[in-house]
Amino acid sequence: SPVTLSVTNNSAPNKIYDATTTLTNGVSLSATNQLSGDSLTLTGAGTFSSKNVGTTNYTISNVSLSGADAANYRYTSGNISGTNGTITAAPITISGLAASNKRYDAGLSATITGTPTAVGTLGSDTVSVSGVVTTGSFANSNVATAITVTPVLSGLTLSNSNYEIVGVTSALTANITAAPITVTINKVYDGSTAVANA
């Protein structure tokens, strides 16, 4: 008759927040009484006790056997529990911002306008954004069009801790135009308006 397995839970299940409690990644199970030389693999899936970001309990409820010798074994111990599940924040991007054009000033500083809005929420989640974005940096300081501008988003906070800001939804760009210069020419009065080459 098949050998009844004793199983050790080596799992460290983890996932990026997806608004569900489904557990599929990071399950690692091993049989302590598997016979030497046999080919046997244990897999499982289950649920986290919470869908939210953080360390959470979990239950592995679907243990299955595979491998060339799987028919010689059986698992009858039921659910496997653990306390070291981890759910990390889902990425969210910010839209609604614009970078302003400027005259060349030899620097990278940029002015940002607009109202930041969160993009990328899951399911029925709602996420509001607090704070303002007023500054950023041009990718280079020289005169050009459509220069990439990176806004400073560190002043923003989200109302839902299951998400984290990873950048803007669409890249911001702006132009740098040439700076004006003033030329002053002096000469000794000679009764004409001519200016000699300098």
Protein backbone atom coordinates (compact mmCIF):
# COMPACT_ATOMS: atom_id res chain seq x y z
CA SER A 1 0.00 0.00 0.00
CA PRO A 2 1.15 3.62 -0.53
CA VAL A 3 3.38 5.22 2.07
CA THR A 4 1.61 7.93 4.07
CA LEU A 5 3.77 11.02 3.92
CA SER A 6 5.01 13.15 6.75
CA VAL A 7 5.54 16.62 5.36
CA THR A 8 7.73 19.51 6.46
CA ASN A 9 6.64 23.03 5.53
CA ASN A 10 9.65 25.01 4.24
CA SER A 11 7.46 27.65 2.66
CA ALA A 12 7.96 31.39 2.59
CA PRO A 13 4.94 32.33 0.50
CA ASN A 14 4.96 35.81 -0.95
CA LYS A 15 3.28 37.93 -3.55
CA ILE A 16 2.69 41.47 -4.67
CA TYR A 17 -0.66 42.77 -3.44
CA ASP A 18 -3.42 41.80 -5.89
CA ALA A 19 -6.56 42.49 -3.82
CA THR A 20 -7.10 38.76 -3.18
CA THR A 21 -5.98 36.22 -0.58
CA THR A 22 -4.89 33.67 -3.18
CA LEU A 23 -1.58 31.94 -2.38
CA THR A 24 0.40 30.35 -5.20
CA ASN A 25 4.02 31.49 -4.91
CA GLY A 26 6.71 30.45 -2.45
CA VAL A 27 5.23 27.12 -1.39
CA SER A 28 7.96 24.60 -0.51
CA LEU A 29 7.06 21.22 0.95
CA SER A 30 9.29 18.22 1.58
CA ALA A 31 8.54 14.68 2.69
CA THR A 32 10.54 13.52 5.70
CA ASN A 33 9.89 9.84 5.01
CA GLN A 34 10.39 9.71 1.24
CA LEU A 35 12.41 6.62 0.33
CA SER A 36 15.90 7.15 -1.01
CA GLY A 37 16.07 7.23 -4.78
CA ASP A 38 12.37 7.89 -5.33
CA SER A 39 11.24 10.76 -7.54
CA LEU A 40 8.57 12.72 -5.71
CA THR A 41 7.53 16.36 -5.76
CA LEU A 42 5.04 18.03 -3.45
CA THR A 43 3.24 21.20 -4.47
CA GLY A 44 0.47 23.19 -2.94
CA ALA A 45 -1.68 26.30 -3.03
CA GLY A 46 -3.99 27.96 -0.59
CA THR A 47 -4.91 31.28 0.94
CA PHE A 48 -3.42 34.06 3.01
CA SER A 49 -5.39 35.05 6.11
CA SER A 50 -5.39 38.65 4.87
CA LYS A 51 -5.21 40.25 1.44
CA ASN A 52 -3.37 43.30 2.78
CA VAL A 53 0.31 44.22 2.71
CA GLY A 54 2.42 42.87 5.56
CA THR A 55 3.39 39.62 7.24
CA THR A 56 0.42 37.29 7.42
CA ASN A 57 -0.68 33.78 8.30
CA TYR A 58 -1.59 31.35 5.56
CA THR A 59 -3.10 27.93 4.92
CA ILE A 60 -1.93 25.49 2.25
CA SER A 61 -5.00 23.42 1.47
CA ASN A 62 -4.28 21.78 -1.87
CA VAL A 63 -1.26 19.49 -1.52
CA SER A 64 -0.60 17.38 -4.59
CA LEU A 65 2.03 14.77 -5.45
CA SER A 66 3.86 14.34 -8.73
CA GLY A 67 6.91 12.53 -10.03
CA ALA A 68 7.71 9.06 -11.27
CA ASP A 69 7.05 7.48 -7.88
CA ALA A 70 4.08 9.58 -6.77
CA ALA A 71 1.68 6.63 -6.98
CA ASN A 72 3.62 4.95 -4.16
CA TYR A 73 2.78 7.72 -1.70
CA ARG A 74 -0.23 9.49 -0.29
CA TYR A 75 -0.79 12.65 1.72
CA THR A 76 -3.59 12.55 4.28
CA SER A 77 -2.67 15.16 6.89
CA GLY A 78 -4.95 17.92 5.63
CA ASN A 79 -4.19 21.61 5.64
CA ILE A 80 -0.75 23.02 6.41
CA SER A 81 -0.54 26.33 8.27
CA GLY A 82 2.21 28.91 8.54
CA THR A 83 2.82 32.39 9.91
CA ASN A 84 5.52 33.78 7.62
CA GLY A 85 3.55 34.82 4.56
CA THR A 86 4.46 38.15 3.02
CA ILE A 87 2.47 40.49 0.80
CA THR A 88 4.26 43.53 -0.63
CA ALA A 89 2.80 46.73 -2.03
CA ALA A 90 1.49 46.89 -5.58
CA PRO A 91 2.97 49.52 -7.89
CA ILE A 92 0.95 52.58 -8.74
CA THR A 93 1.77 55.47 -11.05
CA ILE A 94 0.91 59.15 -10.97
CA SER A 95 -0.85 61.04 -13.75
CA GLY A 96 -2.11 64.60 -14.06
CA LEU A 97 1.28 66.34 -13.98
CA ALA A 98 3.00 68.53 -16.57
CA ALA A 99 6.48 70.01 -16.85
CA SER A 100 6.85 73.69 -17.81
CA ASN A 101 9.13 74.94 -20.57
CA LYS A 102 11.92 77.31 -19.54
CA ARG A 103 14.72 79.46 -20.90
CA TYR A 104 18.24 78.13 -20.67
CA ASP A 105 19.72 78.86 -17.25
CA ALA A 106 22.57 76.30 -17.17
CA GLY A 107 20.68 74.26 -14.56
CA LEU A 108 18.48 71.15 -14.51
CA SER A 109 15.68 72.45 -12.30
CA ALA A 110 12.15 72.13 -13.67
CA THR A 111 8.78 73.46 -12.60
CA ILE A 112 5.93 70.94 -12.33
CA THR A 113 2.23 71.77 -12.34
CA GLY A 114 -0.98 69.79 -12.15
CA THR A 115 -3.00 67.67 -9.76
CA PRO A 116 -1.54 64.20 -9.05
CA THR A 117 -3.89 61.26 -9.55
CA ALA A 118 -3.25 57.56 -8.81
CA VAL A 119 -3.40 55.12 -11.73
CA GLY A 120 -3.35 51.33 -11.41
CA THR A 121 -5.69 50.47 -8.57
CA LEU A 122 -7.05 46.93 -8.45
CA GLY A 123 -10.57 45.60 -8.08
CA SER A 124 -12.83 47.91 -6.12
CA ASP A 125 -9.94 49.63 -4.33
CA THR A 126 -9.85 53.40 -4.11
CA VAL A 127 -6.64 55.39 -3.69
CA SER A 128 -6.43 59.13 -3.19
CA VAL A 129 -3.22 61.13 -3.41
CA SER A 130 -2.21 63.79 -0.89
CA GLY A 131 0.48 66.39 -1.43
CA VAL A 132 1.69 68.46 -4.35
CA VAL A 133 4.47 68.19 -6.91
CA THR A 134 6.15 71.46 -7.86
CA THR A 135 9.71 70.59 -8.81
CA GLY A 136 11.62 68.20 -11.01
CA SER A 137 14.78 67.80 -13.04
CA PHE A 138 15.52 68.01 -16.75
CA ALA A 139 17.59 65.15 -18.12
CA ASN A 140 20.02 67.72 -19.54
CA SER A 141 20.44 71.48 -19.25
CA ASN A 142 20.98 72.37 -22.91
CA VAL A 143 18.56 73.93 -25.39
CA ALA A 144 16.35 71.24 -26.92
CA THR A 145 12.76 70.13 -27.34
CA ALA A 146 10.91 67.30 -25.59
CA ILE A 147 13.53 66.83 -22.89
CA THR A 148 12.60 64.19 -20.32
CA VAL A 149 11.72 65.68 -16.95
CA THR A 150 11.68 63.64 -13.75
CA PRO A 151 9.29 65.05 -11.14
CA VAL A 152 10.01 64.88 -7.41
CA LEU A 153 7.24 62.63 -6.07
CA SER A 154 8.58 62.17 -2.54
CA GLY A 155 6.09 64.68 -1.14
CA LEU A 156 3.12 62.54 -2.14
CA THR A 157 1.33 60.04 0.09
CA LEU A 158 -1.36 57.49 -0.75
CA SER A 159 -4.51 56.80 1.24
CA ASN A 160 -4.12 53.03 0.75
CA SER A 161 -0.98 51.37 2.13
CA ASN A 162 -1.39 48.40 -0.20
CA TYR A 163 0.15 50.52 -2.95
CA GLU A 164 3.41 52.36 -3.53
CA ILE A 165 4.28 55.07 -6.02
CA VAL A 166 6.82 53.89 -8.61
CA GLY A 167 6.81 56.83 -11.02
CA VAL A 168 4.63 58.69 -13.48
CA THR A 169 2.13 57.03 -15.80
CA SER A 170 3.57 58.75 -18.87
CA ALA A 171 6.97 60.41 -19.10
CA LEU A 172 6.98 64.20 -18.71
CA THR A 173 8.79 66.34 -21.28
CA ALA A 174 9.42 70.06 -21.74
CA ASN A 175 11.53 72.40 -23.86
CA ILE A 176 14.49 74.57 -23.02
CA THR A 177 14.80 77.62 -25.25
CA ALA A 178 17.83 79.83 -25.81
CA ALA A 179 18.57 82.51 -23.25
CA PRO A 180 18.80 86.11 -24.52
CA ILE A 181 22.08 87.97 -24.30
CA THR A 182 22.71 91.73 -24.28
CA VAL A 183 25.65 93.19 -26.19
CA THR A 184 27.07 96.58 -25.20
CA ILE A 185 29.30 98.45 -27.64
CA ASN A 186 31.25 101.60 -26.79
CA LYS A 187 33.11 103.92 -29.18
CA VAL A 188 34.60 107.40 -29.26
CA TYR A 189 32.28 109.86 -30.97
CA ASP A 190 33.16 110.23 -34.65
CA GLY A 191 30.02 111.76 -36.10
CA SER A 192 28.72 108.47 -37.56
CA THR A 193 26.63 105.52 -36.53
CA ALA A 194 29.14 103.01 -37.85
CA VAL A 195 30.49 100.38 -35.54
CA ALA A 196 33.89 98.90 -36.25
CA ASN A 197 34.40 95.18 -36.05
CA ALA A 198 35.83 94.12 -32.73
